Structure formats: C-alpha cells, structure tokens
Amino acid sequence: MSLIHIFATNLRKYRTEQNMSQEYLAELAGLHRTYISAVEREQRNISIENIQRISDALKIEPYRLFIEESD
C-alpha cells in the first residue's frame, strides 16, 4: 500500500472519529477545505508543515497518520 493512501485513509479515519467535517478540520489547521478533500482523495502531496498542522488540529501525534492498519 502506498504511503499517500495510508495517510489519506488515516486522515479520514481520525477526522470522522472526532465527528469533524473537512471544513472544520481545515479551519482548525489553517488550511482550505478543498486542500483537505484533495489530500483525502490522494490527489495532493502534503508538506511536513501541513502534516504537523493537521495532526495538531486532530490532537494526535503526526506519526499516527502513517501507521498502516492490520486487517
């Protein structure tokens, strides 16, 4: 599985677990909603700075967005 896919899957998982819309997460992270949407759809690469902003908004450690779930 690609790293981008793992990140996108985890981003959506943590966001929805916290009942956050893309718009609200984007607001907390200081990003645009369409950017969050594109990352979740694996259409955008993401910078380290934005990974940090998103993980801060989700209140999780950044590395958790890169852990592949076991089936």
N, C-alpha and C. Protein backbone atom coordinates (compact mmCIF):
# COMPACT_ATOMS: atom_id res chain seq x y z
N MET A 1 0.85 -1.18 0.00
CA MET A 1 0.00 0.00 0.00
C MET A 1 0.90 1.24 0.00
N SER A 2 0.50 2.25 -0.74
CA SER A 2 1.33 3.45 -0.84
C SER A 2 1.20 4.31 0.42
N LEU A 3 2.22 5.07 0.69
CA LEU A 3 2.23 5.96 1.85
C LEU A 3 1.14 7.02 1.75
N ILE A 4 0.90 7.51 0.54
CA ILE A 4 -0.15 8.51 0.34
C ILE A 4 -1.52 7.91 0.68
N HIS A 5 -1.74 6.66 0.28
CA HIS A 5 -3.01 6.00 0.57
C HIS A 5 -3.18 5.79 2.08
N ILE A 6 -2.13 5.35 2.74
CA ILE A 6 -2.17 5.15 4.19
C ILE A 6 -2.49 6.47 4.89
N PHE A 7 -1.80 7.54 4.50
CA PHE A 7 -2.03 8.85 5.10
C PHE A 7 -3.47 9.30 4.89
N ALA A 8 -3.96 9.20 3.66
CA ALA A 8 -5.32 9.64 3.33
C ALA A 8 -6.36 8.84 4.12
N THR A 9 -6.16 7.54 4.20
CA THR A 9 -7.09 6.68 4.94
C THR A 9 -7.11 7.04 6.41
N ASN A 10 -5.93 7.23 6.99
CA ASN A 10 -5.86 7.58 8.41
C ASN A 10 -6.40 8.97 8.68
N LEU A 11 -6.14 9.90 7.81
CA LEU A 11 -6.67 11.25 7.98
C LEU A 11 -8.19 11.21 8.05
N ARG A 12 -8.81 10.52 7.10
CA ARG A 12 -10.27 10.41 7.10
C ARG A 12 -10.76 9.70 8.36
N LYS A 13 -10.07 8.63 8.76
CA LYS A 13 -10.47 7.87 9.95
C LYS A 13 -10.45 8.74 11.20
N TYR A 14 -9.34 9.41 11.45
CA TYR A 14 -9.23 10.23 12.66
C TYR A 14 -10.19 11.42 12.62
N ARG A 15 -10.38 11.99 11.45
CA ARG A 15 -11.30 13.12 11.32
C ARG A 15 -12.73 12.69 11.62
N THR A 16 -13.15 11.59 11.04
CA THR A 16 -14.53 11.14 11.25
C THR A 16 -14.75 10.60 12.66
N GLU A 17 -13.73 9.99 13.25
CA GLU A 17 -13.85 9.53 14.64
C GLU A 17 -14.14 10.69 15.58
N GLN A 18 -13.64 11.87 15.22
CA GLN A 18 -13.85 13.06 16.05
C GLN A 18 -15.06 13.86 15.56
N ASN A 19 -15.85 13.28 14.67
CA ASN A 19 -17.03 13.94 14.12
C ASN A 19 -16.72 15.32 13.56
N MET A 20 -15.59 15.42 12.86
CA MET A 20 -15.16 16.68 12.27
C MET A 20 -15.46 16.67 10.79
N SER A 21 -15.98 17.76 10.30
CA SER A 21 -16.13 17.92 8.86
C SER A 21 -14.77 18.32 8.28
N GLN A 22 -14.64 18.17 6.98
CA GLN A 22 -13.42 18.64 6.32
C GLN A 22 -13.26 20.13 6.52
N GLU A 23 -14.36 20.83 6.47
CA GLU A 23 -14.34 22.28 6.62
C GLU A 23 -13.84 22.69 8.01
N TYR A 24 -14.32 22.01 9.06
CA TYR A 24 -13.91 22.34 10.41
C TYR A 24 -12.44 21.99 10.64
N LEU A 25 -12.01 20.83 10.15
CA LEU A 25 -10.60 20.46 10.28
C LEU A 25 -9.73 21.48 9.56
N ALA A 26 -10.12 21.87 8.37
CA ALA A 26 -9.36 22.86 7.62
C ALA A 26 -9.25 24.17 8.39
N GLU A 27 -10.35 24.59 8.99
CA GLU A 27 -10.35 25.82 9.78
C GLU A 27 -9.37 25.71 10.95
N LEU A 28 -9.42 24.60 11.68
CA LEU A 28 -8.52 24.41 12.82
C LEU A 28 -7.05 24.36 12.39
N ALA A 29 -6.81 23.78 11.22
CA ALA A 29 -5.44 23.62 10.73
C ALA A 29 -4.94 24.83 9.95
N GLY A 30 -5.81 25.78 9.67
CA GLY A 30 -5.41 26.95 8.89
C GLY A 30 -5.20 26.62 7.43
N LEU A 31 -5.98 25.66 6.92
CA LEU A 31 -5.88 25.24 5.53
C LEU A 31 -7.25 25.42 4.87
N HIS A 32 -7.31 25.18 3.57
CA HIS A 32 -8.58 25.30 2.86
C HIS A 32 -9.26 23.94 2.81
N ARG A 33 -10.59 23.94 2.84
CA ARG A 33 -11.35 22.69 2.82
C ARG A 33 -11.04 21.87 1.57
N THR A 34 -10.87 22.51 0.44
CA THR A 34 -10.59 21.76 -0.78
C THR A 34 -9.23 21.08 -0.72
N TYR A 35 -8.30 21.65 0.04
CA TYR A 35 -6.99 21.03 0.22
C TYR A 35 -7.14 19.74 1.03
N ILE A 36 -7.91 19.79 2.14
CA ILE A 36 -8.15 18.60 2.95
C ILE A 36 -8.83 17.53 2.10
N SER A 37 -9.82 17.92 1.32
CA SER A 37 -10.53 17.00 0.45
C SER A 37 -9.57 16.34 -0.55
N ALA A 38 -8.71 17.12 -1.16
CA ALA A 38 -7.76 16.60 -2.14
C ALA A 38 -6.77 15.64 -1.50
N VAL A 39 -6.33 15.92 -0.29
CA VAL A 39 -5.42 15.02 0.43
C VAL A 39 -6.13 13.70 0.72
N GLU A 40 -7.36 13.77 1.19
CA GLU A 40 -8.12 12.55 1.49
C GLU A 40 -8.42 11.73 0.24
N ARG A 41 -8.51 12.38 -0.92
CA ARG A 41 -8.75 11.68 -2.18
C ARG A 41 -7.45 11.29 -2.86
N GLU A 42 -6.32 11.52 -2.19
CA GLU A 42 -5.00 11.16 -2.71
C GLU A 42 -4.64 11.94 -3.97
N GLN A 43 -5.16 13.16 -4.08
CA GLN A 43 -4.91 14.00 -5.24
C GLN A 43 -3.82 15.03 -5.01
N ARG A 44 -3.38 15.18 -3.75
CA ARG A 44 -2.35 16.18 -3.42
C ARG A 44 -1.27 15.53 -2.58
N ASN A 45 -0.04 15.93 -2.83
CA ASN A 45 1.04 15.60 -1.90
C ASN A 45 0.96 16.61 -0.77
N ILE A 46 1.48 16.24 0.37
CA ILE A 46 1.34 17.10 1.54
C ILE A 46 2.73 17.40 2.12
N SER A 47 2.93 18.62 2.55
CA SER A 47 4.21 19.02 3.13
C SER A 47 4.28 18.61 4.60
N ILE A 48 5.48 18.55 5.10
CA ILE A 48 5.69 18.23 6.52
C ILE A 48 5.00 19.27 7.40
N GLU A 49 5.07 20.52 7.01
CA GLU A 49 4.42 21.58 7.77
C GLU A 49 2.91 21.35 7.87
N ASN A 50 2.30 20.96 6.76
CA ASN A 50 0.85 20.73 6.77
C ASN A 50 0.48 19.45 7.51
N ILE A 51 1.35 18.45 7.49
CA ILE A 51 1.13 17.25 8.30
C ILE A 51 1.07 17.65 9.76
N GLN A 52 1.99 18.50 10.19
CA GLN A 52 2.01 18.96 11.58
C GLN A 52 0.75 19.76 11.90
N ARG A 53 0.34 20.63 11.01
CA ARG A 53 -0.86 21.44 11.25
C ARG A 53 -2.10 20.57 11.39
N ILE A 54 -2.21 19.56 10.54
CA ILE A 54 -3.36 18.65 10.59
C ILE A 54 -3.32 17.81 11.86
N SER A 55 -2.16 17.27 12.20
CA SER A 55 -2.08 16.44 13.41
C SER A 55 -2.35 17.28 14.66
N ASP A 56 -1.90 18.53 14.68
CA ASP A 56 -2.21 19.41 15.81
C ASP A 56 -3.72 19.64 15.91
N ALA A 57 -4.37 19.87 14.77
CA ALA A 57 -5.81 20.10 14.76
C ALA A 57 -6.57 18.86 15.22
N LEU A 58 -6.05 17.67 14.88
CA LEU A 58 -6.68 16.42 15.29
C LEU A 58 -6.27 16.00 16.71
N LYS A 59 -5.27 16.70 17.26
CA LYS A 59 -4.74 16.40 18.59
C LYS A 59 -4.20 14.98 18.68
N ILE A 60 -3.40 14.63 17.65
CA ILE A 60 -2.72 13.34 17.62
C ILE A 60 -1.27 13.56 17.23
N GLU A 61 -0.43 12.59 17.51
CA GLU A 61 0.97 12.67 17.08
C GLU A 61 1.02 12.43 15.56
N PRO A 62 1.86 13.17 14.85
CA PRO A 62 1.90 13.05 13.38
C PRO A 62 2.17 11.63 12.89
N TYR A 63 2.99 10.86 13.59
CA TYR A 63 3.34 9.52 13.12
C TYR A 63 2.11 8.62 13.01
N ARG A 64 1.07 8.90 13.77
CA ARG A 64 -0.12 8.05 13.73
C ARG A 64 -0.82 8.10 12.38
N LEU A 65 -0.59 9.16 11.63
CA LEU A 65 -1.18 9.26 10.30
C LEU A 65 -0.48 8.38 9.27
N PHE A 66 0.64 7.77 9.66
CA PHE A 66 1.42 6.95 8.74
C PHE A 66 1.43 5.47 9.11
N ILE A 67 0.68 5.07 10.11
CA ILE A 67 0.66 3.68 10.54
C ILE A 67 -0.40 2.91 9.77
N GLU A 68 0.05 1.87 9.08
CA GLU A 68 -0.88 1.05 8.31
C GLU A 68 -1.64 0.14 9.25
N GLU A 69 -2.95 0.15 9.12
CA GLU A 69 -3.80 -0.71 9.95
C GLU A 69 -3.68 -2.15 9.48
N SER A 70 -3.66 -3.07 10.43
CA SER A 70 -3.66 -4.51 10.11
C SER A 70 -5.07 -4.95 9.80
N ASP A 71 -5.18 -5.84 8.85
CA ASP A 71 -6.52 -6.36 8.51
C ASP A 71 -6.91 -7.50 9.43
